[in-house]
């Protein structure tokens, strides 16, 4: 499965420098496509939220890699781009 690189450059990767960030992931097989939000925090933990269910917490992971793996296993794909904590505050 091909994924889209959502990181503009390795130096800005918030998952590696423990910054806050937001990514949007999509299940393109559904019509209309279904979206989930991946929020990362300064401790490196991530939460997956469902905006269609009033931002209900779907999954909590202790790392970005685990959250990403969970989303990829459910055939979600990241949308290009990522918002930093400063952009979502």
N, C-alpha and C. Protein backbone atom coordinates (compact mmCIF):
# COMPACT_ATOMS: atom_id res chain seq x y z
N UNK A 1 0.83 -1.18 0.00
CA UNK A 1 0.00 0.00 0.00
C UNK A 1 0.88 1.24 0.00
N UNK A 2 0.57 2.17 -0.85
CA UNK A 2 1.34 3.39 -0.94
C UNK A 2 0.78 4.43 0.03
N UNK A 3 1.66 5.09 0.77
CA UNK A 3 1.23 6.14 1.68
C UNK A 3 1.83 7.47 1.23
N UNK A 4 1.22 8.52 1.66
CA UNK A 4 1.67 9.86 1.31
C UNK A 4 2.53 10.41 2.44
N UNK A 5 3.68 10.93 2.10
CA UNK A 5 4.55 11.54 3.10
C UNK A 5 3.90 12.83 3.57
N UNK A 6 3.58 12.91 4.86
CA UNK A 6 2.92 14.09 5.40
C UNK A 6 3.89 15.05 6.05
N UNK A 7 5.16 14.74 6.03
CA UNK A 7 6.17 15.56 6.70
C UNK A 7 6.93 16.36 5.65
N UNK A 8 6.93 17.70 5.74
CA UNK A 8 7.64 18.49 4.76
C UNK A 8 9.16 18.29 4.78
N UNK A 9 9.73 18.05 5.94
CA UNK A 9 11.15 17.76 6.03
C UNK A 9 11.41 17.06 7.36
N UNK A 10 12.43 16.19 7.43
CA UNK A 10 12.70 15.48 8.68
C UNK A 10 12.95 16.41 9.86
N UNK A 11 13.52 17.58 9.63
CA UNK A 11 13.81 18.51 10.73
C UNK A 11 12.53 19.02 11.37
N UNK A 12 11.42 19.00 10.64
CA UNK A 12 10.16 19.51 11.16
C UNK A 12 9.23 18.41 11.66
N UNK A 13 9.70 17.18 11.75
CA UNK A 13 8.87 16.05 12.14
C UNK A 13 8.53 16.13 13.63
N UNK A 14 7.32 16.56 14.01
CA UNK A 14 6.96 16.70 15.42
C UNK A 14 6.94 15.38 16.16
N UNK A 15 6.73 14.28 15.47
CA UNK A 15 6.74 12.98 16.14
C UNK A 15 8.13 12.63 16.63
N UNK A 16 9.15 13.19 16.00
CA UNK A 16 10.52 12.91 16.41
C UNK A 16 11.05 13.94 17.39
N UNK A 17 10.47 15.15 17.41
CA UNK A 17 10.98 16.15 18.34
C UNK A 17 9.99 16.46 19.46
N UNK A 18 9.03 15.55 19.66
CA UNK A 18 8.08 15.62 20.77
C UNK A 18 7.26 16.91 20.77
N UNK A 19 6.84 17.37 19.62
CA UNK A 19 5.97 18.54 19.55
C UNK A 19 4.52 18.15 19.39
N UNK A 20 3.64 19.10 19.61
CA UNK A 20 2.22 18.88 19.37
C UNK A 20 1.96 18.96 17.88
N UNK A 21 1.06 18.10 17.37
CA UNK A 21 0.71 18.14 15.96
C UNK A 21 -0.66 17.51 15.74
N UNK A 22 -1.19 17.75 14.55
CA UNK A 22 -2.46 17.19 14.12
C UNK A 22 -2.31 16.69 12.69
N UNK A 23 -2.74 15.46 12.44
CA UNK A 23 -2.80 14.91 11.10
C UNK A 23 -4.22 14.44 10.84
N UNK A 24 -4.62 14.47 9.58
CA UNK A 24 -5.92 13.95 9.17
C UNK A 24 -5.68 12.71 8.33
N UNK A 25 -6.37 11.62 8.68
CA UNK A 25 -6.26 10.36 7.96
C UNK A 25 -7.62 10.04 7.36
N UNK A 26 -7.61 9.42 6.20
CA UNK A 26 -8.85 9.16 5.46
C UNK A 26 -8.92 7.69 5.05
N UNK A 27 -10.14 7.15 5.10
CA UNK A 27 -10.41 5.82 4.53
C UNK A 27 -11.06 6.08 3.17
N UNK A 28 -10.27 6.04 2.09
CA UNK A 28 -10.78 6.41 0.77
C UNK A 28 -11.73 5.38 0.17
N UNK A 29 -11.82 4.21 0.77
CA UNK A 29 -12.68 3.17 0.22
C UNK A 29 -14.15 3.42 0.53
N UNK A 30 -14.44 4.27 1.51
CA UNK A 30 -15.83 4.58 1.85
C UNK A 30 -16.30 5.76 1.02
N UNK A 31 -17.59 5.83 0.82
CA UNK A 31 -18.16 6.95 0.07
C UNK A 31 -19.28 7.57 0.88
N UNK A 32 -19.13 8.81 1.34
CA UNK A 32 -17.94 9.65 1.19
C UNK A 32 -16.80 9.12 2.06
N UNK A 33 -15.58 9.52 1.76
CA UNK A 33 -14.43 9.06 2.56
C UNK A 33 -14.59 9.40 4.04
N UNK A 34 -14.14 8.48 4.91
CA UNK A 34 -14.27 8.67 6.35
C UNK A 34 -12.96 9.22 6.90
N UNK A 35 -13.04 10.23 7.76
CA UNK A 35 -11.86 10.89 8.31
C UNK A 35 -11.67 10.58 9.78
N UNK A 36 -10.41 10.46 10.19
CA UNK A 36 -10.02 10.40 11.59
C UNK A 36 -8.91 11.42 11.80
N UNK A 37 -8.78 11.90 13.03
CA UNK A 37 -7.73 12.85 13.37
C UNK A 37 -6.72 12.18 14.29
N UNK A 38 -5.45 12.41 14.02
CA UNK A 38 -4.36 11.91 14.85
C UNK A 38 -3.71 13.10 15.53
N UNK A 39 -3.80 13.14 16.86
CA UNK A 39 -3.20 14.22 17.65
C UNK A 39 -2.01 13.69 18.42
N UNK A 40 -0.88 14.37 18.30
CA UNK A 40 0.30 14.00 19.06
C UNK A 40 0.59 15.07 20.10
N UNK A 41 1.17 14.64 21.22
CA UNK A 41 1.51 15.61 22.26
C UNK A 41 3.00 15.63 22.54
N UNK A 42 3.40 16.52 23.44
CA UNK A 42 4.83 16.71 23.74
C UNK A 42 5.48 15.49 24.36
N UNK A 43 4.69 14.60 24.98
CA UNK A 43 5.26 13.40 25.60
C UNK A 43 5.47 12.28 24.59
N UNK A 44 5.02 12.47 23.34
CA UNK A 44 5.16 11.45 22.31
C UNK A 44 3.94 10.55 22.16
N UNK A 45 2.96 10.73 23.03
CA UNK A 45 1.73 9.94 22.94
C UNK A 45 0.83 10.50 21.85
N UNK A 46 -0.02 9.64 21.30
CA UNK A 46 -0.94 10.04 20.24
C UNK A 46 -2.34 9.57 20.56
N UNK A 47 -3.31 10.35 20.13
CA UNK A 47 -4.71 10.01 20.26
C UNK A 47 -5.34 10.04 18.88
N UNK A 48 -6.22 9.08 18.61
CA UNK A 48 -6.97 9.04 17.36
C UNK A 48 -8.41 9.38 17.71
N UNK A 49 -8.91 10.45 17.08
CA UNK A 49 -10.25 10.96 17.37
C UNK A 49 -11.14 10.87 16.14
N UNK A 50 -12.44 10.69 16.38
CA UNK A 50 -13.41 10.62 15.30
C UNK A 50 -14.24 11.90 15.28
N UNK A 51 -13.97 12.81 14.33
CA UNK A 51 -14.72 14.07 14.29
C UNK A 51 -16.21 13.88 13.99
N UNK A 52 -16.59 12.79 13.35
CA UNK A 52 -18.00 12.52 13.05
C UNK A 52 -18.78 12.09 14.29
N UNK A 53 -18.07 11.69 15.34
CA UNK A 53 -18.68 11.25 16.60
C UNK A 53 -18.34 12.22 17.72
N UNK A 54 -18.38 13.52 17.44
CA UNK A 54 -18.08 14.57 18.40
C UNK A 54 -16.68 14.40 19.01
N UNK A 55 -15.73 14.05 18.16
CA UNK A 55 -14.32 13.91 18.53
C UNK A 55 -14.10 12.84 19.60
N UNK A 56 -14.88 11.79 19.52
CA UNK A 56 -14.75 10.65 20.44
C UNK A 56 -13.36 10.04 20.30
N UNK A 57 -12.75 9.71 21.43
CA UNK A 57 -11.45 9.05 21.44
C UNK A 57 -11.62 7.61 20.95
N UNK A 58 -10.95 7.28 19.86
CA UNK A 58 -11.04 5.94 19.28
C UNK A 58 -9.90 5.06 19.80
N UNK A 59 -8.70 5.63 19.88
CA UNK A 59 -7.52 4.85 20.27
C UNK A 59 -6.49 5.79 20.86
N UNK A 60 -5.81 5.33 21.88
CA UNK A 60 -4.68 6.07 22.48
C UNK A 60 -3.44 5.17 22.31
N UNK A 61 -2.36 5.77 21.83
CA UNK A 61 -1.12 5.03 21.59
C UNK A 61 0.03 5.73 22.29
N UNK A 62 1.02 4.94 22.70
CA UNK A 62 2.16 5.52 23.41
C UNK A 62 3.25 6.05 22.47
N UNK A 63 3.03 5.92 21.14
CA UNK A 63 3.99 6.47 20.19
C UNK A 63 3.31 6.75 18.85
N UNK A 64 3.93 7.60 18.07
CA UNK A 64 3.42 7.90 16.73
C UNK A 64 3.45 6.64 15.87
N UNK A 65 4.52 5.87 15.97
CA UNK A 65 4.65 4.67 15.15
C UNK A 65 3.49 3.69 15.38
N UNK A 66 3.10 3.51 16.64
CA UNK A 66 1.99 2.61 16.94
C UNK A 66 0.66 3.14 16.42
N UNK A 67 0.46 4.45 16.53
CA UNK A 67 -0.77 5.06 16.02
C UNK A 67 -0.82 4.93 14.50
N UNK A 68 0.29 5.21 13.86
CA UNK A 68 0.37 5.11 12.41
C UNK A 68 0.11 3.68 11.96
N UNK A 69 0.70 2.72 12.62
CA UNK A 69 0.50 1.31 12.28
C UNK A 69 -0.97 0.91 12.42
N UNK A 70 -1.61 1.36 13.50
CA UNK A 70 -3.02 1.05 13.72
C UNK A 70 -3.87 1.61 12.58
N UNK A 71 -3.61 2.84 12.18
CA UNK A 71 -4.37 3.46 11.09
C UNK A 71 -4.11 2.75 9.76
N UNK A 72 -2.86 2.43 9.49
CA UNK A 72 -2.52 1.75 8.24
C UNK A 72 -3.15 0.35 8.17
N UNK A 73 -3.19 -0.35 9.31
CA UNK A 73 -3.81 -1.67 9.34
C UNK A 73 -5.30 -1.60 9.02
N UNK A 74 -5.95 -0.50 9.40
CA UNK A 74 -7.37 -0.30 9.09
C UNK A 74 -7.56 0.38 7.74
N UNK A 75 -6.49 0.45 6.95
CA UNK A 75 -6.49 0.96 5.58
C UNK A 75 -6.78 2.46 5.47
N UNK A 76 -6.44 3.20 6.52
CA UNK A 76 -6.50 4.66 6.44
C UNK A 76 -5.21 5.15 5.80
N UNK A 77 -5.30 6.29 5.14
CA UNK A 77 -4.15 6.91 4.50
C UNK A 77 -4.04 8.35 5.00
N UNK A 78 -2.82 8.82 5.24
CA UNK A 78 -2.68 10.22 5.70
C UNK A 78 -2.92 11.20 4.56
N UNK A 79 -3.61 12.28 4.88
CA UNK A 79 -3.71 13.37 3.92
C UNK A 79 -2.40 14.14 3.98
N UNK A 80 -2.01 14.74 2.88
CA UNK A 80 -0.74 15.45 2.84
C UNK A 80 -0.79 16.67 3.75
N UNK A 81 0.24 16.83 4.55
CA UNK A 81 0.35 17.98 5.43
C UNK A 81 0.11 17.63 6.89
N UNK A 82 0.60 18.47 7.72
CA UNK A 82 0.47 18.30 9.18
C UNK A 82 0.45 19.68 9.79
N UNK A 83 -0.41 19.86 10.78
CA UNK A 83 -0.46 21.12 11.51
C UNK A 83 0.35 20.98 12.79
N UNK A 84 1.13 21.99 13.09
CA UNK A 84 1.89 21.99 14.34
C UNK A 84 1.01 22.48 15.48
N UNK A 85 1.47 22.31 16.69
CA UNK A 85 0.73 22.77 17.86
C UNK A 85 0.42 24.24 17.81
N UNK A 86 1.33 25.05 17.31
CA UNK A 86 1.11 26.49 17.22
C UNK A 86 -0.02 26.81 16.24
N UNK A 87 -0.18 25.98 15.21
CA UNK A 87 -1.21 26.23 14.21
C UNK A 87 -2.60 25.78 14.67
N UNK A 88 -2.66 24.87 15.66
CA UNK A 88 -3.96 24.37 16.12
C UNK A 88 -4.38 24.95 17.45
N UNK A 89 -3.55 25.76 18.05
CA UNK A 89 -3.88 26.36 19.34
C UNK A 89 -4.80 27.55 19.18
